[in-house]
Amino acid sequence: MDEYRGVVIRLLRDDNEGDRHQRFVIRQANGETILVAHNIDIAPRLNDLYFGAPLVIYGKYEWNDLGGIVHWTHRDPNGSHRNGWIDFKGKRYQ
């Protein structure tokens, strides 16, 4: 689990296969981009998310065939992972 800071550069459709995920891409200060998948079956949706929105994200990065994704941005109901979160507009989503 790591912390990521950046701004939203792309809003994507929700992934509704299996657990539902709100998806978006952020750009960090170093120029790297990260795809984020936020589980909205466990954590609240970021309803007011917009292009350019600054975020702080604590989650787990995992490589995949497309480059990688940050997920586990929510509390873990089973207690097997550290709790993740997203800070947005003064509120913590987990």
C-alpha atoms as a PDB file:
ATOM      1  CA  MET A   1       0.000   0.000   0.000  1.00  0.00           C
ATOM      2  CA  ASP A   2       1.307   3.403  -1.004  1.00  0.00           C
ATOM      3  CA  GLU A   3       0.144   7.008  -1.153  1.00  0.00           C
ATOM      4  CA  TYR A   4      -0.416   8.723  -4.496  1.00  0.00           C
ATOM      5  CA  ARG A   5      -1.090  12.415  -5.114  1.00  0.00           C
ATOM      6  CA  GLY A   6      -2.335  13.810  -8.352  1.00  0.00           C
ATOM      7  CA  VAL A   7      -5.084  15.413 -10.371  1.00  0.00           C
ATOM      8  CA  VAL A   8      -7.798  13.702 -12.376  1.00  0.00           C
ATOM      9  CA  ILE A   9      -7.035  13.754 -16.092  1.00  0.00           C
ATOM     10  CA  ARG A  10      -9.638  11.269 -17.295  1.00  0.00           C
ATOM     11  CA  LEU A  11     -12.991  10.021 -16.021  1.00  0.00           C
ATOM     12  CA  LEU A  12     -13.922   6.512 -17.191  1.00  0.00           C
ATOM     13  CA  ARG A  13     -17.130   4.480 -17.159  1.00  0.00           C
ATOM     14  CA  ASP A  14     -17.747   2.396 -14.066  1.00  0.00           C
ATOM     15  CA  ASP A  15     -16.644  -1.220 -14.235  1.00  0.00           C
ATOM     16  CA  ASN A  16     -19.829  -3.143 -13.389  1.00  0.00           C
ATOM     17  CA  GLU A  17     -18.515  -6.687 -13.808  1.00  0.00           C
ATOM     18  CA  GLY A  18     -18.355  -8.368 -10.398  1.00  0.00           C
ATOM     19  CA  ASP A  19     -17.751  -5.757  -7.692  1.00  0.00           C
ATOM     20  CA  ARG A  20     -18.543  -2.305  -9.088  1.00  0.00           C
ATOM     21  CA  HIS A  21     -15.627   0.140  -9.431  1.00  0.00           C
ATOM     22  CA  GLN A  22     -15.514   3.857 -10.169  1.00  0.00           C
ATOM     23  CA  ARG A  23     -12.576   4.336 -12.561  1.00  0.00           C
ATOM     24  CA  PHE A  24     -10.450   7.359 -13.363  1.00  0.00           C
ATOM     25  CA  VAL A  25      -6.882   8.309 -14.265  1.00  0.00           C
ATOM     26  CA  ILE A  26      -4.699  10.705 -12.274  1.00  0.00           C
ATOM     27  CA  ARG A  27      -1.456  12.462 -13.202  1.00  0.00           C
ATOM     28  CA  GLN A  28       1.142  12.801 -10.459  1.00  0.00           C
ATOM     29  CA  ALA A  29       3.508  15.775 -10.139  1.00  0.00           C
ATOM     30  CA  ASN A  30       6.301  13.709 -11.742  1.00  0.00           C
ATOM     31  CA  GLY A  31       4.143  13.254 -14.871  1.00  0.00           C
ATOM     32  CA  GLU A  32       3.313   9.584 -14.307  1.00  0.00           C
ATOM     33  CA  THR A  33      -0.300   8.575 -14.847  1.00  0.00           C
ATOM     34  CA  ILE A  34      -2.155   5.998 -12.785  1.00  0.00           C
ATOM     35  CA  LEU A  35      -5.455   4.211 -13.384  1.00  0.00           C
ATOM     36  CA  VAL A  36      -7.522   4.044 -10.185  1.00  0.00           C
ATOM     37  CA  ALA A  37     -10.353   1.552  -9.548  1.00  0.00           C
ATOM     38  CA  HIS A  38     -12.355   2.549  -6.451  1.00  0.00           C
ATOM     39  CA  ASN A  39     -14.736  -0.169  -5.185  1.00  0.00           C
ATOM     40  CA  ILE A  40     -18.149   1.484  -4.885  1.00  0.00           C
ATOM     41  CA  ASP A  41     -19.790  -1.646  -3.488  1.00  0.00           C
ATOM     42  CA  ILE A  42     -17.739  -1.082  -0.306  1.00  0.00           C
ATOM     43  CA  ALA A  43     -16.882   2.634  -0.279  1.00  0.00           C
ATOM     44  CA  PRO A  44     -18.932   5.699  -1.270  1.00  0.00           C
ATOM     45  CA  ARG A  45     -18.693   6.999  -4.828  1.00  0.00           C
ATOM     46  CA  LEU A  46     -16.863  10.288  -5.361  1.00  0.00           C
ATOM     47  CA  ASN A  47     -19.979  11.942  -6.836  1.00  0.00           C
ATOM     48  CA  ASP A  48     -18.496  15.358  -7.573  1.00  0.00           C
ATOM     49  CA  LEU A  49     -15.299  14.060  -9.190  1.00  0.00           C
ATOM     50  CA  TYR A  50     -14.199  16.295 -12.067  1.00  0.00           C
ATOM     51  CA  PHE A  51     -11.351  16.801 -14.546  1.00  0.00           C
ATOM     52  CA  GLY A  52      -8.519  18.556 -12.704  1.00  0.00           C
ATOM     53  CA  ALA A  53      -9.686  17.500  -9.239  1.00  0.00           C
ATOM     54  CA  PRO A  54      -6.782  17.089  -6.795  1.00  0.00           C
ATOM     55  CA  LEU A  55      -6.744  13.791  -4.873  1.00  0.00           C
ATOM     56  CA  VAL A  56      -4.669  11.948  -2.318  1.00  0.00           C
ATOM     57  CA  ILE A  57      -5.048   8.182  -2.641  1.00  0.00           C
ATOM     58  CA  TYR A  58      -3.839   5.387  -0.382  1.00  0.00           C
ATOM     59  CA  GLY A  59      -4.105   2.028  -2.107  1.00  0.00           C
ATOM     60  CA  LYS A  60      -2.330  -0.922  -3.622  1.00  0.00           C
ATOM     61  CA  TYR A  61      -0.657  -0.756  -7.046  1.00  0.00           C
ATOM     62  CA  GLU A  62      -0.694  -3.960  -9.071  1.00  0.00           C
ATOM     63  CA  TRP A  63       0.831  -4.481 -12.493  1.00  0.00           C
ATOM     64  CA  ASN A  64      -1.301  -5.957 -15.256  1.00  0.00           C
ATOM     65  CA  ASP A  65      -1.030  -6.416 -19.009  1.00  0.00           C
ATOM     66  CA  LEU A  66      -2.106  -2.794 -19.549  1.00  0.00           C
ATOM     67  CA  GLY A  67       0.491  -1.312 -17.165  1.00  0.00           C
ATOM     68  CA  GLY A  68      -1.179  -1.407 -13.790  1.00  0.00           C
ATOM     69  CA  ILE A  69      -3.902  -0.155 -11.517  1.00  0.00           C
ATOM     70  CA  VAL A  70      -4.344   1.220  -8.009  1.00  0.00           C
ATOM     71  CA  HIS A  71      -7.115  -0.440  -6.051  1.00  0.00           C
ATOM     72  CA  TRP A  72      -7.892  -1.315  -2.389  1.00  0.00           C
ATOM     73  CA  THR A  73      -8.854   2.347  -1.945  1.00  0.00           C
ATOM     74  CA  HIS A  74     -11.415   1.339   0.694  1.00  0.00           C
ATOM     75  CA  ARG A  75     -11.666  -0.290   4.091  1.00  0.00           C
ATOM     76  CA  ASP A  76     -11.177  -4.053   4.085  1.00  0.00           C
ATOM     77  CA  PRO A  77     -14.306  -5.739   5.437  1.00  0.00           C
ATOM     78  CA  ASN A  78     -12.360  -9.003   5.959  1.00  0.00           C
ATOM     79  CA  GLY A  79      -9.406  -7.431   7.765  1.00  0.00           C
ATOM     80  CA  SER A  80      -6.827  -9.104   5.512  1.00  0.00           C
ATOM     81  CA  HIS A  81      -5.431  -5.846   4.021  1.00  0.00           C
ATOM     82  CA  ARG A  82      -4.613  -2.449   5.396  1.00  0.00           C
ATOM     83  CA  ASN A  83      -7.456  -0.024   4.843  1.00  0.00           C
ATOM     84  CA  GLY A  84      -7.125   2.226   1.827  1.00  0.00           C
ATOM     85  CA  TRP A  85      -8.808   5.569   1.202  1.00  0.00           C
ATOM     86  CA  ILE A  86      -9.197   8.560  -1.090  1.00  0.00           C
ATOM     87  CA  ASP A  87      -9.109  12.130   0.241  1.00  0.00           C
ATOM     88  CA  PHE A  88     -11.200  14.462  -1.928  1.00  0.00           C
ATOM     89  CA  LYS A  89     -12.655  17.894  -1.146  1.00  0.00           C
ATOM     90  CA  GLY A  90     -11.932  17.555   2.587  1.00  0.00           C
ATOM     91  CA  LYS A  91     -13.607  14.160   2.925  1.00  0.00           C
ATOM     92  CA  ARG A  92     -12.094  10.688   3.272  1.00  0.00           C
ATOM     93  CA  TYR A  93     -13.765   7.991   1.156  1.00  0.00           C
ATOM     94  CA  GLN A  94     -13.148   4.438   2.373  1.00  0.00           C
END
